[in-house]
Amino acid sequence: MFITESFLEYPDNISNAVLCFFKGCLYNCQGCSNPQLKKWEQESNIDVYNQIIEYARTINSNKIVFVGGDCLHPQNIKMTEYLLDKLNLGYDICIYTGASIENVPEIIVKQCKFLKCGKYDENCRQESYKNDSYIQFASKNQKLYSAEGKLLSENGRYYFIKEDTNNE
C-alpha cells in the first residue's frame, strides 16, 4: 500500500487527508489514472494500520481516503473491513470505489463518512478540482454518498455545506 497526503481528495474545503492507495482493481476503466495499481498484492493488516496512524499524526489530520486500485476488490475486502473497524473511532473516512452504491456492502457504507462511487468514464471526463465551495470529481458520472447512503453530489460535483454562522 502506498500512503501519501492530499488536499484535493477529501470532500470538504479545509482538510488535508491521508491517501491510502490499495492495489487491485477489476474495473479496467479506459483512461485509468492508476493502472499500476490494477494488480492485487497482499499487505499486512497491522503494518498498514500503523502506517496510516503514523501518517495521520505526521500531517495532523483525522481524514483518511481509501483510493486505488479499489479497496472493494474481492481480495481487499477483509483489509478494508479491518481498517474501517480499527479507524472508525476518531477518523473520518472516505472511500473511492468503481462500484455502484448498490454493490457496496452496507456495513462498509455505514462506517464511512463519505463514499464516492462509480467507474471512471473517459466520455464523462472533467478536471478534478476543489475550491472553497465544491469538489469536482474526474468523471461526471461519479457520485458521492453519505454514511446513510444519501446521494450528496450531482454531475460529478459536491457542494460543501455551509454552516449557519448567524445563529448566536
Protein backbone atom coordinates (compact mmCIF):
# COMPACT_ATOMS: atom_id res chain seq x y z
CA MET A 1 0.00 0.00 0.00
CA PHE A 2 1.22 3.45 -0.88
CA ILE A 3 0.34 6.24 1.57
CA THR A 4 0.60 9.98 0.98
CA GLU A 5 -1.44 13.14 1.63
CA SER A 6 -3.71 15.35 -0.42
CA PHE A 7 -5.94 18.38 -0.04
CA LEU A 8 -7.82 17.61 -3.27
CA GLU A 9 -9.32 14.21 -2.43
CA TYR A 10 -11.26 14.75 0.84
CA PRO A 11 -14.75 16.21 0.27
CA ASP A 12 -14.56 19.34 2.41
CA ASN A 13 -12.95 22.72 1.87
CA ILE A 14 -10.45 22.69 4.75
CA SER A 15 -8.86 19.28 5.24
CA ASN A 16 -5.65 17.64 4.20
CA ALA A 17 -6.18 13.87 4.20
CA VAL A 18 -4.14 10.69 4.34
CA LEU A 19 -4.50 8.87 1.00
CA CYS A 20 -4.23 5.09 1.14
CA PHE A 21 -3.72 3.56 -2.30
CA PHE A 22 -4.97 -0.03 -2.44
CA LYS A 23 -3.63 -2.45 -5.04
CA GLY A 24 -6.11 -4.48 -7.04
CA CYS A 25 -8.95 -3.38 -9.31
CA LEU A 26 -11.29 -5.27 -11.61
CA TYR A 27 -12.94 -2.31 -13.38
CA ASN A 28 -10.49 -1.71 -16.27
CA CYS A 29 -11.63 1.88 -16.75
CA GLN A 30 -10.41 3.39 -20.02
CA GLY A 31 -8.04 6.21 -19.07
CA CYS A 32 -7.43 4.83 -15.56
CA SER A 33 -5.29 7.25 -13.53
CA ASN A 34 -3.54 4.43 -11.61
CA PRO A 35 -3.07 1.47 -14.00
CA GLN A 36 -0.03 0.32 -11.99
CA LEU A 37 -2.40 -0.47 -9.10
CA LYS A 38 -4.65 -2.90 -11.01
CA LYS A 39 -2.72 -5.99 -9.90
CA TRP A 40 -3.54 -7.08 -6.34
CA GLU A 41 -0.77 -7.63 -3.80
CA GLN A 42 -1.21 -8.90 -0.25
CA GLU A 43 -0.48 -6.48 2.59
CA SER A 44 -0.07 -6.97 6.33
CA ASN A 45 -3.10 -5.54 8.19
CA ILE A 46 -1.16 -4.41 11.24
CA ASP A 47 1.64 -2.77 9.26
CA VAL A 48 -0.83 -0.84 7.08
CA TYR A 49 -2.87 0.27 10.09
CA ASN A 50 0.27 1.55 11.87
CA GLN A 51 1.46 3.33 8.72
CA ILE A 52 -1.90 5.12 8.37
CA ILE A 53 -1.98 6.17 12.03
CA GLU A 54 1.60 7.45 11.90
CA TYR A 55 1.00 9.40 8.69
CA ALA A 56 -2.19 10.93 10.13
CA ARG A 57 -0.22 12.08 13.18
CA THR A 58 2.52 13.50 10.97
CA ILE A 59 0.11 15.68 8.98
CA ASN A 60 -2.17 16.33 11.98
CA SER A 61 -5.32 15.08 10.27
CA ASN A 62 -8.18 12.76 11.14
CA LYS A 63 -9.27 12.50 7.48
CA ILE A 64 -8.47 9.32 5.53
CA VAL A 65 -9.31 8.46 1.93
CA PHE A 66 -9.11 4.91 0.53
CA VAL A 67 -8.31 5.14 -3.17
CA GLY A 68 -6.88 2.72 -5.64
CA GLY A 69 -6.89 0.39 -7.28
CA ASP A 70 -10.02 -0.36 -5.33
CA CYS A 71 -10.40 -1.13 -1.63
CA LEU A 72 -13.50 -3.16 -2.53
CA HIS A 73 -11.58 -5.52 -4.82
CA PRO A 74 -12.60 -9.01 -3.61
CA GLN A 75 -9.16 -9.65 -2.14
CA ASN A 76 -9.14 -6.24 -0.38
CA ILE A 77 -12.50 -6.56 1.41
CA LYS A 78 -11.09 -8.15 4.58
CA MET A 79 -8.35 -5.49 4.79
CA THR A 80 -10.90 -2.73 4.20
CA GLU A 81 -13.24 -4.08 6.88
CA TYR A 82 -10.32 -4.45 9.30
CA LEU A 83 -9.13 -0.88 8.71
CA LEU A 84 -12.63 0.59 8.92
CA ASP A 85 -13.22 -1.22 12.19
CA LYS A 86 -9.89 -0.06 13.67
CA LEU A 87 -10.06 3.52 12.34
CA ASN A 88 -13.78 4.17 12.78
CA LEU A 89 -13.38 5.96 16.11
CA GLY A 90 -11.52 9.20 15.71
CA TYR A 91 -11.14 9.24 11.91
CA ASP A 92 -13.40 10.47 9.12
CA ILE A 93 -13.04 8.02 6.26
CA CYS A 94 -13.93 8.44 2.62
CA ILE A 95 -13.81 5.51 0.19
CA TYR A 96 -13.38 5.87 -3.57
CA THR A 97 -14.61 2.82 -5.49
CA GLY A 98 -15.62 1.94 -9.02
CA ALA A 99 -18.59 0.01 -7.62
CA SER A 100 -22.12 1.38 -7.69
CA ILE A 101 -23.61 2.17 -4.28
CA GLU A 102 -25.93 -0.85 -4.63
CA ASN A 103 -22.88 -3.15 -4.77
CA VAL A 104 -21.14 -1.78 -1.67
CA PRO A 105 -21.78 -3.88 1.45
CA GLU A 106 -23.99 -1.95 3.89
CA ILE A 107 -21.52 -2.48 6.74
CA ILE A 108 -18.87 -0.62 4.72
CA VAL A 109 -21.21 2.25 3.77
CA LYS A 110 -22.14 2.83 7.42
CA GLN A 111 -18.51 3.03 8.56
CA CYS A 112 -17.55 5.77 6.13
CA LYS A 113 -18.27 9.46 6.38
CA PHE A 114 -18.29 9.62 2.56
CA LEU A 115 -18.32 7.11 -0.26
CA LYS A 116 -17.53 8.10 -3.84
CA CYS A 117 -18.91 5.52 -6.26
CA GLY A 118 -18.73 4.96 -9.99
CA LYS A 119 -16.25 3.83 -12.58
CA TYR A 120 -14.11 6.49 -14.20
CA ASP A 121 -15.70 7.17 -17.60
CA GLU A 122 -13.42 8.76 -20.20
CA ASN A 123 -16.54 10.06 -22.02
CA CYS A 124 -17.62 11.96 -18.86
CA ARG A 125 -14.15 13.28 -18.08
CA GLN A 126 -13.71 16.64 -16.38
CA GLU A 127 -10.90 18.29 -14.45
CA SER A 128 -10.56 17.22 -10.81
CA TYR A 129 -10.88 20.42 -8.85
CA LYS A 130 -11.54 21.74 -5.37
CA ASN A 131 -12.16 25.24 -4.05
CA ASP A 132 -13.95 26.82 -1.08
CA SER A 133 -17.39 25.93 -2.49
CA TYR A 134 -17.15 22.48 -4.07
CA ILE A 135 -15.11 19.45 -5.10
CA GLN A 136 -15.31 18.23 -8.67
CA PHE A 137 -14.54 14.59 -9.47
CA ALA A 138 -12.60 13.36 -12.52
CA SER A 139 -15.76 11.95 -14.10
CA LYS A 140 -19.27 13.47 -14.14
CA ASN A 141 -20.85 10.06 -13.53
CA GLN A 142 -19.09 9.56 -10.18
CA LYS A 143 -21.36 10.11 -7.18
CA LEU A 144 -20.72 10.99 -3.54
CA TYR A 145 -22.84 9.40 -0.80
CA SER A 146 -23.13 9.87 2.96
CA ALA A 147 -22.81 7.09 5.57
CA GLU A 148 -26.60 6.78 5.36
CA GLY A 149 -26.38 6.10 1.62
CA LYS A 150 -27.83 9.52 0.74
CA LEU A 151 -26.70 10.96 -2.61
CA LEU A 152 -24.80 14.21 -1.98
CA SER A 153 -23.45 15.16 -5.41
CA GLU A 154 -24.72 15.93 -8.88
CA ASN A 155 -22.89 15.67 -12.23
CA GLY A 156 -19.62 14.78 -10.53
CA ARG A 157 -19.66 17.79 -8.22
CA TYR A 158 -20.30 18.07 -4.47
CA TYR A 159 -21.06 21.47 -2.95
CA PHE A 160 -19.83 21.88 0.60
CA ILE A 161 -22.47 22.56 3.19
CA LYS A 162 -22.07 26.00 4.70
CA GLU A 163 -22.70 26.19 8.42
CA ASP A 164 -25.05 28.95 9.51
CA THR A 165 -22.87 31.48 11.33
CA ASN A 166 -25.77 33.86 12.07
CA ASN A 167 -27.10 31.74 14.95
CA GLU A 168 -25.82 33.38 18.12
